[in-house]
Amino acid sequence: MSAPPGKTTHGAGDRRQRRHVRYCADFPIAVTLLGGDGYKRLDAHCKDLSVAGTGMLIAEELSVGEVVSLNFSLPGTSEPWEVRAVLRHRRGYHYGFEFLSLTRPQSETLSAFLQKQVPVHTE
């Protein structure tokens, strides 16, 4: 039996333990990357968030290891954030980025924001 589209199958001992709890999120993110012909801006949509990074949908092809700039505002806030992040994994058009440049105030704000959110339930 094969996995449903968009699902990944793992053996019993193959599943990696996440270091940080992920929380449901739903907001737009602008992704800026440097390409061969200059900077390129992509529209993305955040699907989950943790203290260490974000999972988002992007309708483009990006390479694991690519460093980008993320621009967004947390829901319920008006302060825009610009954060550097590295692409750690990809499954289809779902991308997982690790934050590289959160300031201490941003980390504290993000932690407080996440305490009010619903955790992502994984199987």
N, C-alpha and C. Protein backbone atom coordinates (compact mmCIF):
# COMPACT_ATOMS: atom_id res chain seq x y z
N MET A 1 0.84 -1.18 0.00
CA MET A 1 0.00 0.00 0.00
C MET A 1 0.88 1.23 0.00
N SER A 2 0.59 2.19 -0.85
CA SER A 2 1.41 3.40 -0.93
C SER A 2 0.80 4.51 -0.09
N ALA A 3 1.62 5.50 0.22
CA ALA A 3 1.16 6.63 1.02
C ALA A 3 0.27 7.53 0.18
N PRO A 4 -0.71 8.19 0.79
CA PRO A 4 -1.53 9.15 0.06
C PRO A 4 -0.66 10.28 -0.49
N PRO A 5 -1.13 10.95 -1.57
CA PRO A 5 -0.34 12.05 -2.12
C PRO A 5 -0.01 13.06 -1.03
N GLY A 6 1.23 13.55 -1.04
CA GLY A 6 1.64 14.56 -0.07
C GLY A 6 2.09 13.99 1.26
N LYS A 7 1.96 12.67 1.45
CA LYS A 7 2.39 12.03 2.69
C LYS A 7 3.73 11.35 2.47
N THR A 8 4.52 11.30 3.50
CA THR A 8 5.79 10.60 3.45
C THR A 8 5.70 9.40 4.37
N THR A 9 6.21 8.27 3.92
CA THR A 9 6.19 7.09 4.78
C THR A 9 7.55 6.93 5.42
N HIS A 10 7.56 6.43 6.64
CA HIS A 10 8.79 6.21 7.39
C HIS A 10 8.72 4.82 8.02
N GLY A 11 9.88 4.17 8.15
CA GLY A 11 9.94 2.94 8.91
C GLY A 11 9.81 3.26 10.39
N ALA A 12 9.62 2.25 11.21
CA ALA A 12 9.39 2.44 12.64
C ALA A 12 10.49 3.25 13.30
N GLY A 13 11.76 3.04 12.94
CA GLY A 13 12.84 3.76 13.58
C GLY A 13 13.36 4.95 12.78
N ASP A 14 12.70 5.24 11.64
CA ASP A 14 13.19 6.29 10.75
C ASP A 14 12.69 7.69 11.10
N ARG A 15 11.63 7.77 11.87
CA ARG A 15 11.02 9.07 12.14
C ARG A 15 11.89 9.88 13.09
N ARG A 16 12.21 11.10 12.69
CA ARG A 16 13.02 11.98 13.51
C ARG A 16 12.15 12.71 14.53
N GLN A 17 12.69 12.87 15.71
CA GLN A 17 12.01 13.63 16.76
C GLN A 17 12.24 15.12 16.50
N ARG A 18 11.19 15.90 16.52
CA ARG A 18 11.34 17.35 16.34
C ARG A 18 11.91 17.97 17.60
N ARG A 19 12.77 18.95 17.42
CA ARG A 19 13.36 19.65 18.56
C ARG A 19 12.40 20.65 19.17
N HIS A 20 11.49 21.20 18.37
CA HIS A 20 10.59 22.25 18.83
C HIS A 20 9.16 21.94 18.40
N VAL A 21 8.21 22.24 19.26
CA VAL A 21 6.80 22.06 18.93
C VAL A 21 6.43 23.04 17.83
N ARG A 22 5.68 22.53 16.85
CA ARG A 22 5.15 23.38 15.78
C ARG A 22 3.73 23.77 16.12
N TYR A 23 3.34 24.98 15.71
CA TYR A 23 2.01 25.50 15.97
C TYR A 23 1.36 25.89 14.65
N CYS A 24 0.03 25.74 14.59
CA CYS A 24 -0.71 26.13 13.39
C CYS A 24 -0.56 27.63 13.17
N ALA A 25 -0.38 28.02 11.93
CA ALA A 25 -0.26 29.43 11.58
C ALA A 25 -0.88 29.64 10.20
N ASP A 26 -1.29 30.85 9.95
CA ASP A 26 -1.97 31.15 8.70
C ASP A 26 -1.80 32.63 8.38
N PHE A 27 -0.69 32.96 7.71
CA PHE A 27 -0.46 34.35 7.32
C PHE A 27 0.52 34.40 6.15
N PRO A 28 0.49 35.51 5.39
CA PRO A 28 1.39 35.63 4.24
C PRO A 28 2.82 35.96 4.67
N ILE A 29 3.77 35.50 3.87
CA ILE A 29 5.18 35.79 4.07
C ILE A 29 5.78 36.14 2.71
N ALA A 30 6.58 37.19 2.67
CA ALA A 30 7.34 37.52 1.46
C ALA A 30 8.73 36.91 1.62
N VAL A 31 9.14 36.15 0.63
CA VAL A 31 10.45 35.50 0.63
C VAL A 31 11.30 36.19 -0.43
N THR A 32 12.47 36.67 -0.02
CA THR A 32 13.39 37.32 -0.95
C THR A 32 14.67 36.50 -1.03
N LEU A 33 15.09 36.18 -2.25
CA LEU A 33 16.31 35.41 -2.43
C LEU A 33 17.13 36.03 -3.54
N LEU A 34 18.42 35.75 -3.51
CA LEU A 34 19.34 36.26 -4.52
C LEU A 34 19.52 35.19 -5.58
N GLY A 35 19.18 35.53 -6.80
CA GLY A 35 19.34 34.61 -7.92
C GLY A 35 20.40 35.12 -8.88
N GLY A 36 20.55 34.42 -9.98
CA GLY A 36 21.54 34.78 -10.98
C GLY A 36 21.31 36.16 -11.59
N ASP A 37 20.07 36.61 -11.61
CA ASP A 37 19.75 37.91 -12.21
C ASP A 37 19.28 38.92 -11.16
N GLY A 38 19.76 38.80 -9.93
CA GLY A 38 19.43 39.76 -8.88
C GLY A 38 18.46 39.18 -7.86
N TYR A 39 17.89 40.07 -7.07
CA TYR A 39 16.96 39.64 -6.03
C TYR A 39 15.61 39.28 -6.61
N LYS A 40 15.00 38.25 -6.05
CA LYS A 40 13.69 37.79 -6.50
C LYS A 40 12.78 37.72 -5.28
N ARG A 41 11.57 38.25 -5.40
CA ARG A 41 10.60 38.23 -4.30
C ARG A 41 9.51 37.21 -4.65
N LEU A 42 9.24 36.33 -3.69
CA LEU A 42 8.20 35.30 -3.86
C LEU A 42 7.14 35.48 -2.79
N ASP A 43 5.90 35.22 -3.16
CA ASP A 43 4.81 35.22 -2.19
C ASP A 43 4.67 33.82 -1.63
N ALA A 44 4.61 33.72 -0.31
CA ALA A 44 4.49 32.43 0.36
C ALA A 44 3.36 32.52 1.39
N HIS A 45 2.98 31.36 1.91
CA HIS A 45 1.93 31.31 2.91
C HIS A 45 2.37 30.41 4.07
N CYS A 46 2.45 31.00 5.26
CA CYS A 46 2.88 30.25 6.45
C CYS A 46 1.80 29.25 6.86
N LYS A 47 2.21 28.01 7.10
CA LYS A 47 1.30 26.95 7.54
C LYS A 47 1.57 26.52 8.97
N ASP A 48 2.82 26.60 9.41
CA ASP A 48 3.16 26.28 10.80
C ASP A 48 4.37 27.09 11.22
N LEU A 49 4.53 27.20 12.54
CA LEU A 49 5.54 28.08 13.11
C LEU A 49 6.07 27.47 14.40
N SER A 50 7.35 27.65 14.67
CA SER A 50 7.93 27.23 15.94
C SER A 50 8.91 28.31 16.38
N VAL A 51 9.52 28.13 17.54
CA VAL A 51 10.50 29.10 18.01
C VAL A 51 11.75 29.10 17.13
N ALA A 52 11.93 28.05 16.34
CA ALA A 52 13.15 27.92 15.54
C ALA A 52 12.94 28.13 14.05
N GLY A 53 11.68 28.14 13.57
CA GLY A 53 11.49 28.27 12.14
C GLY A 53 10.04 28.22 11.73
N THR A 54 9.84 28.05 10.43
CA THR A 54 8.49 28.08 9.87
C THR A 54 8.36 27.11 8.71
N GLY A 55 7.16 26.57 8.56
CA GLY A 55 6.81 25.76 7.41
C GLY A 55 5.87 26.57 6.55
N MET A 56 6.13 26.61 5.25
CA MET A 56 5.30 27.43 4.39
C MET A 56 5.13 26.81 3.02
N LEU A 57 4.12 27.29 2.32
CA LEU A 57 3.87 26.89 0.95
C LEU A 57 4.41 27.96 0.02
N ILE A 58 5.19 27.52 -0.97
CA ILE A 58 5.74 28.42 -1.98
C ILE A 58 5.59 27.73 -3.33
N ALA A 59 5.01 28.41 -4.29
CA ALA A 59 4.81 27.83 -5.62
C ALA A 59 6.02 28.10 -6.51
N GLU A 60 7.18 27.67 -6.04
CA GLU A 60 8.45 27.84 -6.77
C GLU A 60 9.36 26.67 -6.41
N GLU A 61 10.43 26.53 -7.15
CA GLU A 61 11.44 25.52 -6.87
C GLU A 61 12.62 26.19 -6.15
N LEU A 62 12.89 25.78 -4.92
CA LEU A 62 14.03 26.27 -4.16
C LEU A 62 14.90 25.09 -3.76
N SER A 63 16.17 25.35 -3.50
CA SER A 63 17.10 24.30 -3.14
C SER A 63 17.38 24.30 -1.64
N VAL A 64 17.44 23.09 -1.06
CA VAL A 64 17.80 22.95 0.34
C VAL A 64 19.16 23.60 0.56
N GLY A 65 19.28 24.35 1.65
CA GLY A 65 20.50 25.07 1.96
C GLY A 65 20.48 26.52 1.54
N GLU A 66 19.49 26.90 0.73
CA GLU A 66 19.39 28.27 0.27
C GLU A 66 19.03 29.21 1.43
N VAL A 67 19.71 30.36 1.51
CA VAL A 67 19.44 31.35 2.55
C VAL A 67 18.59 32.46 1.93
N VAL A 68 17.53 32.83 2.65
CA VAL A 68 16.57 33.81 2.16
C VAL A 68 16.28 34.84 3.25
N SER A 69 15.58 35.87 2.86
CA SER A 69 15.07 36.86 3.81
C SER A 69 13.55 36.68 3.86
N LEU A 70 13.00 36.57 5.06
CA LEU A 70 11.55 36.43 5.25
C LEU A 70 11.01 37.74 5.81
N ASN A 71 9.95 38.24 5.21
CA ASN A 71 9.30 39.45 5.67
C ASN A 71 7.84 39.14 5.99
N PHE A 72 7.44 39.40 7.24
CA PHE A 72 6.08 39.09 7.67
C PHE A 72 5.74 39.86 8.94
N SER A 73 4.47 39.85 9.27
CA SER A 73 3.99 40.35 10.55
C SER A 73 3.21 39.22 11.20
N LEU A 74 3.45 38.98 12.48
CA LEU A 74 2.68 37.97 13.19
C LEU A 74 1.23 38.43 13.26
N PRO A 75 0.26 37.53 13.12
CA PRO A 75 -1.15 37.91 13.20
C PRO A 75 -1.43 38.66 14.52
N GLY A 76 -2.20 39.72 14.40
CA GLY A 76 -2.54 40.51 15.58
C GLY A 76 -1.52 41.57 15.92
N THR A 77 -0.44 41.64 15.12
CA THR A 77 0.58 42.67 15.35
C THR A 77 0.75 43.46 14.06
N SER A 78 1.28 44.64 14.17
CA SER A 78 1.52 45.45 12.97
C SER A 78 2.99 45.63 12.68
N GLU A 79 3.84 45.22 13.62
CA GLU A 79 5.28 45.39 13.44
C GLU A 79 5.81 44.38 12.41
N PRO A 80 6.38 44.88 11.30
CA PRO A 80 6.94 43.95 10.30
C PRO A 80 8.28 43.38 10.78
N TRP A 81 8.49 42.13 10.45
CA TRP A 81 9.74 41.44 10.78
C TRP A 81 10.50 41.16 9.49
N GLU A 82 11.81 41.27 9.56
CA GLU A 82 12.67 40.78 8.49
C GLU A 82 13.66 39.85 9.14
N VAL A 83 13.63 38.58 8.72
CA VAL A 83 14.41 37.53 9.35
C VAL A 83 15.14 36.74 8.28
N ARG A 84 16.40 36.46 8.49
CA ARG A 84 17.16 35.57 7.60
C ARG A 84 16.84 34.14 8.02
N ALA A 85 16.75 33.26 7.02
CA ALA A 85 16.43 31.86 7.28
C ALA A 85 17.09 30.98 6.22
N VAL A 86 17.31 29.72 6.59
CA VAL A 86 17.89 28.76 5.67
C VAL A 86 16.88 27.64 5.42
N LEU A 87 16.78 27.22 4.17
CA LEU A 87 15.87 26.14 3.81
C LEU A 87 16.47 24.81 4.26
N ARG A 88 15.77 24.14 5.19
CA ARG A 88 16.26 22.88 5.76
C ARG A 88 15.63 21.65 5.12
N HIS A 89 14.37 21.74 4.70
CA HIS A 89 13.76 20.59 4.04
C HIS A 89 12.64 21.05 3.11
N ARG A 90 12.29 20.13 2.21
CA ARG A 90 11.24 20.40 1.24
C ARG A 90 10.49 19.12 0.96
N ARG A 91 9.17 19.24 0.86
CA ARG A 91 8.33 18.14 0.41
C ARG A 91 7.28 18.76 -0.51
N GLY A 92 7.45 18.54 -1.81
CA GLY A 92 6.57 19.18 -2.78
C GLY A 92 6.78 20.69 -2.72
N TYR A 93 5.69 21.42 -2.50
CA TYR A 93 5.78 22.87 -2.38
C TYR A 93 5.70 23.33 -0.94
N HIS A 94 5.85 22.40 0.00
CA HIS A 94 5.92 22.74 1.42
C HIS A 94 7.39 22.80 1.82
N TYR A 95 7.81 23.94 2.31
CA TYR A 95 9.21 24.19 2.64
C TYR A 95 9.37 24.44 4.13
N GLY A 96 10.44 23.96 4.71
CA GLY A 96 10.74 24.19 6.12
C GLY A 96 11.99 25.03 6.26
N PHE A 97 11.86 26.21 6.86
CA PHE A 97 12.97 27.13 7.04
C PHE A 97 13.34 27.25 8.51
N GLU A 98 14.63 27.32 8.78
CA GLU A 98 15.15 27.57 10.12
C GLU A 98 15.57 29.03 10.21
N PHE A 99 15.08 29.73 11.25
CA PHE A 99 15.46 31.12 11.45
C PHE A 99 16.95 31.22 11.78
N LEU A 100 17.62 32.22 11.22
CA LEU A 100 19.04 32.44 11.48
C LEU A 100 19.30 33.72 12.26
N SER A 101 18.39 34.67 12.20
CA SER A 101 18.72 36.00 12.71
C SER A 101 17.67 36.62 13.64
N LEU A 102 16.98 35.80 14.42
CA LEU A 102 16.01 36.39 15.35
C LEU A 102 16.75 37.17 16.42
N THR A 103 16.26 38.37 16.70
CA THR A 103 16.82 39.14 17.80
C THR A 103 16.21 38.62 19.10
N ARG A 104 16.78 38.99 20.22
CA ARG A 104 16.23 38.56 21.52
C ARG A 104 14.78 39.04 21.68
N PRO A 105 14.47 40.32 21.38
CA PRO A 105 13.06 40.75 21.48
C PRO A 105 12.14 39.97 20.54
N GLN A 106 12.60 39.66 19.33
CA GLN A 106 11.78 38.86 18.41
C GLN A 106 11.55 37.46 18.98
N SER A 107 12.59 36.84 19.52
CA SER A 107 12.45 35.50 20.12
C SER A 107 11.44 35.53 21.26
N GLU A 108 11.49 36.55 22.09
CA GLU A 108 10.55 36.67 23.21
C GLU A 108 9.13 36.89 22.72
N THR A 109 8.96 37.75 21.72
CA THR A 109 7.64 38.01 21.15
C THR A 109 7.08 36.75 20.50
N LEU A 110 7.93 36.04 19.76
CA LEU A 110 7.50 34.80 19.10
C LEU A 110 7.09 33.76 20.13
N SER A 111 7.86 33.58 21.18
CA SER A 111 7.52 32.61 22.23
C SER A 111 6.17 32.94 22.87
N ALA A 112 5.96 34.21 23.16
CA ALA A 112 4.68 34.64 23.76
C ALA A 112 3.52 34.41 22.79
N PHE A 113 3.74 34.70 21.51
CA PHE A 113 2.72 34.48 20.49
C PHE A 113 2.36 33.00 20.38
N LEU A 114 3.37 32.14 20.36
CA LEU A 114 3.14 30.70 20.18
C LEU A 114 2.40 30.08 21.36
N GLN A 115 2.57 30.62 22.56
CA GLN A 115 1.87 30.09 23.73
C GLN A 115 0.36 30.20 23.59
N LYS A 116 -0.10 31.08 22.71
CA LYS A 116 -1.54 31.29 22.50
C LYS A 116 -2.07 30.51 21.29
N GLN A 117 -1.20 29.75 20.63
CA GLN A 117 -1.58 29.05 19.38
C GLN A 117 -1.84 27.57 19.63
N VAL A 118 -2.42 26.92 18.65
CA VAL A 118 -2.76 25.50 18.71
C VAL A 118 -1.61 24.68 18.13
N PRO A 119 -1.10 23.68 18.88
CA PRO A 119 -0.02 22.84 18.35
C PRO A 119 -0.47 22.05 17.13
N VAL A 120 0.46 21.81 16.22
CA VAL A 120 0.21 20.94 15.07
C VAL A 120 0.24 19.52 15.57
N HIS A 121 -0.77 18.75 15.23
CA HIS A 121 -0.79 17.33 15.64
C HIS A 121 -0.21 16.49 14.51
N THR A 122 0.79 15.71 14.83
CA THR A 122 1.39 14.82 13.84
C THR A 122 1.00 13.38 14.19
N GLU A 123 1.04 12.56 13.17
CA GLU A 123 0.66 11.15 13.36
C GLU A 123 1.79 10.35 13.90
